Amino acid sequence: MDDKTALSLSPEELSWVKGYPEAWRAAALLVLRYAHAFNELDATWLRGCLAPAVTYASQSVFQELAGRTAVWEYLSGKIAALRSEGKDSMVRVELGSDAMGGKPCAIVLQANGPHDKNWVDRPLAYLTIEANSEGNATKLFMVTAVPPPASARRTGVFPGAKSLPKWQPLRRATADYLGLKFHLFVWDGKPPLDTFMIASLEGVLQRLPGAALRVIRLETANEEESEVIAQLGIVSFPELAVYWEDTLVWQGRGLMGADAVERAVKSLFDEQTNAG
């Protein structure tokens, strides 16, 4: 793993790298390589870029990986798993800057299938990398919760990505909304923000016959609900997740009135193909 794949920067990528102080540019180039590797599903972009004592850690995993071999096997294994799906990967990596110190980071986005409409607005995580004097990675750290991944400053630049996964509208076989489920995440259901959103969703249910609502309270969440909260990256309340036939298709945070929720939901469907 000694030879690095040559890195040719686009004008947007070069501008992004040069926007950082000299001391951070080696890390920025490593972030670029990480983005290329996952956007192209080609782990060779990371070959020769890991220091012997490199570590990899994530807020969502307790165990830290240590050493070049362990980190390489983990990253190359993830890329191989994505590639083995045999279809367009739902993962994309964007260049950005972390919210805490403004350092370069790789923003990770993942669509929950072709019907997930606003996945590109919901960063799943972001990765920061530290570099040594030789320009090799000494520490990779994945932020999945605090600060919220959505707080990272974004660029809209996806190195090596030819395109983003194409969204496909949903189709209803009947005029009702059976199969549509709202999961509303609140603190405990008592604060004004919570009660406002609960009332909004109850109003939406009257307009979308067949739809169902589940209110999940953080304060009393069971193990299963807590796992869902972590998987969705929910760190503020209230937040709404919309499912169609048990697949996440839309997610939004903050206050939304019934009209706004209804518009968002109806925009998910190809109305011309719906019955009725």
Protein backbone atom coordinates (compact mmCIF):
# COMPACT_ATOMS: atom_id res chain seq x y z
CA MET A 1 0.00 0.00 0.00
CA ASP A 2 2.84 2.39 -0.78
CA ASP A 3 1.86 3.96 -4.10
CA LYS A 4 -0.72 6.72 -4.04
CA THR A 5 -3.14 7.18 -6.90
CA ALA A 6 -2.39 10.49 -8.63
CA LEU A 7 -4.81 13.21 -7.58
CA SER A 8 -5.89 15.72 -10.23
CA LEU A 9 -7.99 18.52 -8.78
CA SER A 10 -10.90 20.20 -10.52
CA PRO A 11 -11.11 24.02 -10.26
CA GLU A 12 -13.77 23.67 -7.52
CA GLU A 13 -11.66 21.18 -5.57
CA LEU A 14 -8.51 23.31 -5.91
CA SER A 15 -10.37 26.38 -4.69
CA TRP A 16 -11.68 24.41 -1.70
CA VAL A 17 -8.18 23.18 -0.74
CA LYS A 18 -6.60 26.62 -1.14
CA GLY A 19 -9.29 28.10 1.08
CA TYR A 20 -7.65 26.50 4.11
CA PRO A 21 -4.48 27.55 5.94
CA GLU A 22 -1.34 25.79 4.75
CA ALA A 23 -1.28 23.64 7.88
CA TRP A 24 -4.68 22.12 7.00
CA ARG A 25 -4.15 21.46 3.30
CA ALA A 26 -2.64 18.00 3.71
CA ALA A 27 -5.75 16.98 5.62
CA ALA A 28 -7.93 18.55 2.91
CA LEU A 29 -6.21 16.43 0.25
CA LEU A 30 -6.87 13.31 2.34
CA VAL A 31 -10.52 14.28 2.63
CA LEU A 32 -10.58 14.60 -1.16
CA ARG A 33 -9.19 11.10 -1.50
CA TYR A 34 -11.77 9.73 0.92
CA ALA A 35 -14.54 11.37 -1.12
CA HIS A 36 -13.18 9.96 -4.38
CA ALA A 37 -12.91 6.49 -2.85
CA PHE A 38 -16.54 6.34 -1.75
CA ASN A 39 -18.05 8.23 -4.67
CA GLU A 40 -16.25 6.00 -7.17
CA LEU A 41 -16.34 2.88 -4.96
CA ASP A 42 -12.59 2.52 -5.47
CA ALA A 43 -10.51 1.98 -2.34
CA THR A 44 -7.24 2.50 -4.21
CA TRP A 45 -7.71 6.24 -3.69
CA LEU A 46 -6.75 5.57 -0.06
CA ARG A 47 -3.82 3.27 -0.83
CA GLY A 48 -0.55 4.57 0.57
CA CYS A 49 -2.33 7.34 2.51
CA LEU A 50 -2.50 5.76 5.96
CA ALA A 51 0.25 6.24 8.54
CA PRO A 52 1.45 3.06 10.31
CA ALA A 53 -0.22 4.05 13.60
CA VAL A 54 -3.40 5.55 12.08
CA THR A 55 -6.63 5.27 14.07
CA TYR A 56 -10.28 5.28 13.04
CA ALA A 57 -13.09 6.10 15.48
CA SER A 58 -16.77 6.92 15.23
CA GLN A 59 -19.26 8.40 17.66
CA SER A 60 -21.64 5.57 16.81
CA VAL A 61 -19.13 2.78 17.55
CA PHE A 62 -17.39 2.21 20.88
CA GLN A 63 -14.34 0.40 19.57
CA GLU A 64 -11.49 2.34 17.97
CA LEU A 65 -9.53 0.76 15.13
CA ALA A 66 -5.76 1.13 15.39
CA GLY A 67 -3.05 0.48 12.83
CA ARG A 68 -2.75 0.73 9.07
CA THR A 69 -3.92 -2.80 8.35
CA ALA A 70 -7.04 -2.62 10.53
CA VAL A 71 -8.13 0.76 9.16
CA TRP A 72 -7.41 -0.19 5.55
CA GLU A 73 -9.36 -3.44 5.87
CA TYR A 74 -12.30 -1.61 7.41
CA LEU A 75 -12.49 1.16 4.80
CA SER A 76 -11.81 -1.07 1.80
CA GLY A 77 -14.34 -3.57 3.17
CA LYS A 78 -17.05 -0.91 3.39
CA ILE A 79 -16.37 0.15 -0.19
CA ALA A 80 -16.40 -3.46 -1.39
CA ALA A 81 -19.74 -4.02 0.35
CA LEU A 82 -21.26 -1.00 -1.40
CA ARG A 83 -19.88 -2.11 -4.73
CA SER A 84 -21.23 -5.64 -4.29
CA GLU A 85 -24.81 -4.35 -4.15
CA GLY A 86 -24.76 -4.47 -7.92
CA LYS A 87 -26.60 -1.18 -8.40
CA ASP A 88 -26.02 2.53 -8.08
CA SER A 89 -24.71 3.19 -4.59
CA MET A 90 -27.00 5.25 -2.37
CA VAL A 91 -23.95 6.81 -0.64
CA ARG A 92 -22.33 10.07 -1.69
CA VAL A 93 -19.54 12.09 -0.04
CA GLU A 94 -19.34 15.88 -0.29
CA LEU A 95 -16.52 18.26 0.58
CA GLY A 96 -17.20 20.52 3.55
CA SER A 97 -15.90 22.17 6.70
CA ASP A 98 -16.71 21.04 10.21
CA ALA A 99 -18.79 23.39 12.34
CA MET A 100 -16.51 23.34 15.38
CA GLY A 101 -13.22 24.58 13.94
CA GLY A 102 -13.83 25.06 10.24
CA LYS A 103 -11.43 22.28 9.29
CA PRO A 104 -11.90 20.21 6.12
CA CYS A 105 -14.29 17.32 6.39
CA ALA A 106 -16.03 14.72 4.24
CA ILE A 107 -19.81 14.95 4.56
CA VAL A 108 -21.51 11.57 4.19
CA LEU A 109 -25.01 11.33 2.71
CA GLN A 110 -27.06 8.21 2.14
CA ALA A 111 -30.42 7.76 0.48
CA ASN A 112 -32.82 5.20 1.91
CA GLY A 113 -33.64 3.89 -1.53
CA PRO A 114 -34.81 5.59 -4.74
CA HIS A 115 -37.97 7.09 -3.17
CA ASP A 116 -36.10 9.05 -0.46
CA LYS A 117 -36.74 12.57 -1.71
CA ASN A 118 -34.76 14.90 0.57
CA TRP A 119 -31.84 12.66 1.56
CA VAL A 120 -29.33 15.11 0.12
CA ASP A 121 -30.55 17.67 2.68
CA ARG A 122 -29.84 15.29 5.57
CA PRO A 123 -26.13 14.62 6.15
CA LEU A 124 -25.72 11.30 7.90
CA ALA A 125 -22.26 12.03 9.28
CA TYR A 126 -19.03 13.84 8.58
CA LEU A 127 -15.43 12.66 8.75
CA THR A 128 -12.40 14.67 9.83
CA ILE A 129 -8.84 13.58 9.13
CA GLU A 130 -5.54 14.54 10.76
CA ALA A 131 -2.33 14.34 8.71
CA ASN A 132 1.35 13.99 9.55
CA SER A 133 4.27 15.83 7.94
CA GLU A 134 4.34 13.26 5.14
CA GLY A 135 0.72 13.95 4.23
CA ASN A 136 -0.56 10.62 5.50
CA ALA A 137 -3.59 10.14 7.73
CA THR A 138 -2.92 9.67 11.44
CA LYS A 139 -6.49 9.93 12.70
CA LEU A 140 -9.91 9.57 11.10
CA PHE A 141 -12.92 10.51 13.18
CA MET A 142 -16.56 10.13 12.14
CA VAL A 143 -19.07 12.54 13.70
CA THR A 144 -22.59 11.11 13.74
CA ALA A 145 -24.32 13.02 16.56
CA VAL A 146 -22.55 15.97 18.23
CA PRO A 147 -22.24 18.43 16.69
CA PRO A 148 -25.11 17.54 14.35
CA PRO A 149 -23.76 16.42 10.96
CA ALA A 150 -26.11 18.93 9.33
CA SER A 151 -24.12 21.72 11.00
CA ALA A 152 -21.14 21.13 8.70
CA ARG A 153 -20.65 23.81 6.06
CA ARG A 154 -21.37 22.36 2.65
CA THR A 155 -19.94 23.04 -0.80
CA GLY A 156 -22.06 21.00 -3.21
CA VAL A 157 -18.84 19.42 -4.53
CA PHE A 158 -18.84 15.61 -4.78
CA PRO A 159 -15.41 14.52 -6.05
CA GLY A 160 -15.57 11.64 -8.51
CA ALA A 161 -19.36 11.40 -8.44
CA LYS A 162 -20.81 11.36 -11.93
CA SER A 163 -24.31 11.99 -10.63
CA LEU A 164 -26.51 11.77 -7.56
CA PRO A 165 -28.98 8.90 -7.16
CA LYS A 166 -32.12 9.78 -9.09
CA TRP A 167 -35.26 10.24 -7.03
CA GLN A 168 -38.30 8.25 -8.10
CA PRO A 169 -41.80 9.39 -7.05
CA LEU A 170 -44.04 7.01 -5.15
CA ARG A 171 -47.15 5.50 -6.67
CA ARG A 172 -50.40 4.66 -4.90
CA ALA A 173 -52.52 1.81 -6.15
CA THR A 174 -55.61 3.26 -4.43
CA ALA A 175 -56.95 6.71 -3.65
CA ASP A 176 -56.23 6.43 0.07
CA TYR A 177 -52.89 6.61 1.88
CA LEU A 178 -52.69 3.16 3.42
CA GLY A 179 -49.00 2.41 3.89
CA LEU A 180 -48.10 5.99 4.81
CA LYS A 181 -46.75 6.32 8.35
CA PHE A 182 -45.65 9.38 10.28
CA HIS A 183 -43.14 8.94 13.09
CA LEU A 184 -43.03 12.13 15.13
CA PHE A 185 -40.12 12.43 17.56
CA VAL A 186 -40.75 14.78 20.50
CA TRP A 187 -39.22 15.40 23.91
CA ASP A 188 -42.06 14.26 26.14
CA GLY A 189 -45.16 15.57 24.37
CA LYS A 190 -45.73 18.44 26.80
CA PRO A 191 -43.71 21.50 25.64
CA PRO A 192 -45.45 23.90 23.21
CA LEU A 193 -43.24 22.74 20.32
CA ASP A 194 -44.29 19.15 20.94
CA THR A 195 -48.00 19.88 21.28
CA PHE A 196 -47.98 22.06 18.17
CA MET A 197 -46.48 19.29 16.03
CA ILE A 198 -48.77 16.62 17.47
CA ALA A 199 -51.79 18.78 16.63
CA SER A 200 -50.41 19.45 13.13
CA LEU A 201 -50.00 15.74 12.41
CA GLU A 202 -53.43 14.92 13.79
CA GLY A 203 -54.81 17.48 11.35
CA VAL A 204 -52.87 15.91 8.48
CA LEU A 205 -54.34 12.50 9.27
CA GLN A 206 -57.81 13.86 8.64
CA ARG A 207 -56.74 14.96 5.15
CA LEU A 208 -54.86 11.78 4.22
CA PRO A 209 -57.20 8.84 4.86
CA GLY A 210 -55.40 5.64 5.74
CA ALA A 211 -52.24 7.32 7.03
CA ALA A 212 -51.02 6.48 10.54
CA LEU A 213 -49.19 8.43 13.24
CA ARG A 214 -46.77 7.22 15.89
CA VAL A 215 -45.48 9.67 18.48
CA ILE A 216 -42.11 8.71 19.95
CA ARG A 217 -41.14 10.49 23.16
CA LEU A 218 -37.42 10.73 23.89
CA GLU A 219 -37.96 10.82 27.63
CA THR A 220 -39.70 7.43 27.64
CA ALA A 221 -38.21 5.85 24.51
CA ASN A 222 -37.62 2.12 24.73
CA GLU A 223 -34.55 0.36 23.35
CA GLU A 224 -36.02 -0.08 19.88
CA GLU A 225 -37.12 3.56 19.67
CA SER A 226 -33.75 4.78 20.95
CA GLU A 227 -32.03 2.77 18.22
CA VAL A 228 -34.25 4.38 15.57
CA ILE A 229 -33.46 7.84 16.96
CA ALA A 230 -29.74 7.08 16.67
CA GLN A 231 -30.05 5.62 13.17
CA LEU A 232 -31.90 8.68 11.91
CA GLY A 233 -29.37 11.02 13.51
CA ILE A 234 -32.02 12.87 15.48
CA VAL A 235 -30.45 15.29 17.93
CA SER A 236 -33.14 17.98 18.16
CA PHE A 237 -36.89 17.87 18.67
CA PRO A 238 -39.48 17.84 17.24
CA GLU A 239 -38.51 15.90 14.13
CA LEU A 240 -40.67 14.06 11.63
CA ALA A 241 -39.89 10.92 9.64
CA VAL A 242 -42.26 9.82 6.88
CA TYR A 243 -42.39 6.18 5.81
CA TRP A 244 -44.08 4.52 2.87
CA GLU A 245 -44.53 0.78 3.31
CA ASP A 246 -41.89 0.85 6.07
CA THR A 247 -39.26 2.66 3.95
CA LEU A 248 -38.09 6.14 4.96
CA VAL A 249 -39.02 8.58 2.18
CA TRP A 250 -38.79 12.00 3.82
CA GLN A 251 -37.48 13.56 7.01
CA GLY A 252 -37.88 17.07 8.40
CA ARG A 253 -37.07 18.90 11.60
CA GLY A 254 -38.55 21.85 13.43
CA LEU A 255 -42.06 23.23 13.43
CA MET A 256 -44.29 22.48 10.45
CA GLY A 257 -47.96 23.29 10.15
CA ALA A 258 -50.48 20.82 8.75
CA ASP A 259 -50.48 22.55 5.34
CA ALA A 260 -46.68 22.32 5.04
CA VAL A 261 -46.63 18.65 6.01
CA GLU A 262 -49.43 17.84 3.58
CA ARG A 263 -47.62 19.60 0.73
CA ALA A 264 -44.38 17.79 1.52
CA VAL A 265 -46.10 14.41 1.60
CA LYS A 266 -48.11 14.89 -1.59
CA SER A 267 -44.95 15.96 -3.41
CA LEU A 268 -43.59 12.46 -2.82
CA PHE A 269 -46.21 10.89 -5.08
CA ASP A 270 -46.68 10.76 -8.80
CA GLU A 271 -50.26 11.96 -8.66
CA GLN A 272 -50.91 11.21 -12.33
CA THR A 273 -50.59 7.49 -11.66
CA ASN A 274 -52.65 7.34 -8.48
CA ALA A 275 -56.05 5.73 -8.47
CA GLY A 276 -59.01 7.94 -7.91
